[in-house]
Amino acid sequence: MEKLMDTVVLMLEGSEVTLEIFCITLVLALPLGILAALGRLSKLRPLSLFMEFYIWLMRGTPLMLQLLFVYFALPMVGILLPDLAAALLAFTLNYAAYFAEIFRAGIQSIPRGQYEAAKTLGTTSSRIRRSSTSSR
């Protein structure tokens, strides 16, 4: 029975670390995802292409490969990160790419007529973007 209790305690400690990683990743990945989505929709061609490549790369490679790359390959080029920071970096970059696609698709799903109607009513472009993205 004592061995079982020791195992339960270890599992609870692991769950605590997992929840910390999840919460920090979510807090960091959401704003990065919004910025990446806006960069992807940008009229600046180099920025849009860079964001397209970043999203393609992050979504097209397994998360485990990204974790291994950050943990083992970055130290080879002189970038040393603690274990937790390496995991947070890989998770954040990966999930930001997924969030970027979700946000981009949501922004592009707004019918063109909705933008035109707002313009007709005299609404500024920045107000249209803020209203259309925050109302969903």
Protein backbone atom coordinates (compact mmCIF):
# COMPACT_ATOMS: atom_id res chain seq x y z
CA MET A 1 0.00 0.00 0.00
CA GLU A 2 2.90 2.34 0.75
CA LYS A 3 4.34 1.81 -2.73
CA LEU A 4 0.97 2.71 -4.24
CA MET A 5 0.80 5.94 -2.23
CA ASP A 6 4.34 6.87 -3.33
CA THR A 7 3.30 6.31 -6.95
CA VAL A 8 0.18 8.46 -6.51
CA VAL A 9 2.26 11.28 -5.01
CA LEU A 10 4.70 11.13 -7.93
CA MET A 11 1.80 11.16 -10.42
CA LEU A 12 0.30 14.23 -8.73
CA GLU A 13 3.64 16.04 -8.85
CA GLY A 14 3.92 15.23 -12.56
CA SER A 15 0.39 16.48 -13.12
CA GLU A 16 1.31 19.77 -11.47
CA VAL A 17 4.25 20.27 -13.84
CA THR A 18 2.06 19.32 -16.81
CA LEU A 19 -0.58 21.88 -15.85
CA GLU A 20 2.07 24.58 -15.38
CA ILE A 21 3.49 23.87 -18.85
CA PHE A 22 -0.02 23.90 -20.34
CA CYS A 23 -1.01 27.22 -18.75
CA ILE A 24 2.21 28.99 -19.66
CA THR A 25 2.08 27.63 -23.21
CA LEU A 26 -1.48 28.82 -23.63
CA VAL A 27 -0.69 32.32 -22.31
CA LEU A 28 2.29 32.64 -24.67
CA ALA A 29 0.89 30.87 -27.75
CA LEU A 30 -2.41 32.75 -28.05
CA PRO A 31 -0.93 36.25 -28.57
CA LEU A 32 1.82 34.82 -30.79
CA GLY A 33 -0.85 33.05 -32.82
CA ILE A 34 -2.75 36.29 -33.32
CA LEU A 35 0.42 38.08 -34.43
CA ALA A 36 1.34 35.21 -36.76
CA ALA A 37 -2.17 35.23 -38.27
CA LEU A 38 -2.01 38.98 -38.86
CA GLY A 39 1.47 38.57 -40.35
CA ARG A 40 0.17 35.81 -42.60
CA LEU A 41 -2.62 38.12 -43.82
CA SER A 42 -0.26 41.08 -44.19
CA LYS A 43 0.11 42.84 -47.51
CA LEU A 44 3.88 42.91 -46.92
CA ARG A 45 4.87 39.98 -49.11
CA PRO A 46 8.10 39.02 -47.26
CA LEU A 47 6.30 38.97 -43.90
CA SER A 48 3.41 36.96 -45.30
CA LEU A 49 5.77 34.44 -46.92
CA PHE A 50 7.83 34.10 -43.73
CA MET A 51 4.70 33.46 -41.66
CA GLU A 52 3.42 30.99 -44.25
CA PHE A 53 6.73 29.09 -44.06
CA TYR A 54 6.76 29.17 -40.24
CA ILE A 55 3.19 27.83 -40.04
CA TRP A 56 3.89 25.20 -42.70
CA LEU A 57 7.05 24.06 -40.89
CA MET A 58 5.53 23.92 -37.41
CA ARG A 59 2.33 22.20 -38.52
CA GLY A 60 4.16 19.85 -40.87
CA THR A 61 6.66 18.40 -38.41
CA PRO A 62 5.85 16.26 -35.39
CA LEU A 63 5.88 18.01 -32.02
CA MET A 64 8.26 15.35 -30.68
CA LEU A 65 10.77 16.23 -33.40
CA GLN A 66 10.48 19.92 -32.50
CA LEU A 67 11.02 19.13 -28.82
CA LEU A 68 14.10 17.06 -29.63
CA PHE A 69 15.43 19.79 -31.92
CA VAL A 70 15.06 22.51 -29.29
CA TYR A 71 16.50 20.35 -26.53
CA PHE A 72 19.43 18.76 -28.39
CA ALA A 73 20.21 20.85 -31.51
CA LEU A 74 20.08 24.36 -30.06
CA PRO A 75 22.87 23.64 -27.54
CA MET A 76 25.06 22.56 -30.47
CA VAL A 77 24.92 26.12 -31.80
CA GLY A 78 25.44 27.69 -28.38
CA ILE A 79 21.85 28.28 -27.26
CA LEU A 80 21.57 26.60 -23.87
CA LEU A 81 18.11 26.40 -22.32
CA PRO A 82 16.99 24.79 -19.08
CA ASP A 83 14.78 21.72 -19.52
CA LEU A 84 11.51 23.49 -18.76
CA ALA A 85 12.35 26.49 -20.94
CA ALA A 86 13.18 24.23 -23.89
CA ALA A 87 9.85 22.44 -23.54
CA LEU A 88 7.98 25.74 -23.24
CA LEU A 89 9.70 27.15 -26.33
CA ALA A 90 8.86 24.13 -28.46
CA PHE A 91 5.26 23.90 -27.24
CA THR A 92 4.68 27.64 -27.64
CA LEU A 93 6.05 27.82 -31.18
CA ASN A 94 4.08 24.73 -32.20
CA TYR A 95 0.75 25.79 -30.75
CA ALA A 96 1.15 29.39 -31.94
CA ALA A 97 1.29 28.06 -35.51
CA TYR A 98 -1.93 26.09 -35.01
CA PHE A 99 -3.63 29.08 -33.39
CA ALA A 100 -2.44 31.29 -36.26
CA GLU A 101 -4.26 29.09 -38.76
CA ILE A 102 -7.40 29.07 -36.61
CA PHE A 103 -7.40 32.86 -36.30
CA ARG A 104 -6.56 33.38 -40.00
CA ALA A 105 -9.42 31.13 -41.06
CA GLY A 106 -11.79 32.94 -38.72
CA ILE A 107 -10.80 36.34 -40.05
CA GLN A 108 -11.10 35.20 -43.66
CA SER A 109 -14.50 33.61 -43.03
CA ILE A 110 -16.13 37.02 -42.58
CA PRO A 111 -18.05 37.74 -45.78
CA ARG A 112 -16.77 40.56 -47.97
CA GLY A 113 -20.23 42.16 -47.87
CA GLN A 114 -19.84 42.65 -44.13
CA TYR A 115 -16.70 44.73 -44.68
CA GLU A 116 -18.39 46.70 -47.46
CA ALA A 117 -21.44 47.39 -45.28
CA ALA A 118 -19.24 48.71 -42.48
CA LYS A 119 -17.31 50.91 -44.95
CA THR A 120 -20.62 52.29 -46.27
CA LEU A 121 -21.60 53.25 -42.73
CA GLY A 122 -18.36 55.21 -42.40
CA THR A 123 -16.54 52.84 -40.09
CA THR A 124 -12.75 53.06 -40.17
CA SER A 125 -10.70 50.07 -41.34
CA SER A 126 -9.09 49.55 -37.95
CA ARG A 127 -12.49 49.61 -36.22
CA ILE A 128 -13.86 47.09 -38.73
CA ARG A 129 -10.96 44.71 -38.01
CA ARG A 130 -11.34 45.11 -34.25
CA SER A 131 -15.10 44.59 -34.34
CA SER A 132 -15.07 41.67 -36.72
CA THR A 133 -12.38 39.78 -34.81
CA SER A 134 -13.68 40.50 -31.31
CA SER A 135 -17.35 39.70 -32.00
CA ARG A 136 -16.65 36.08 -32.90
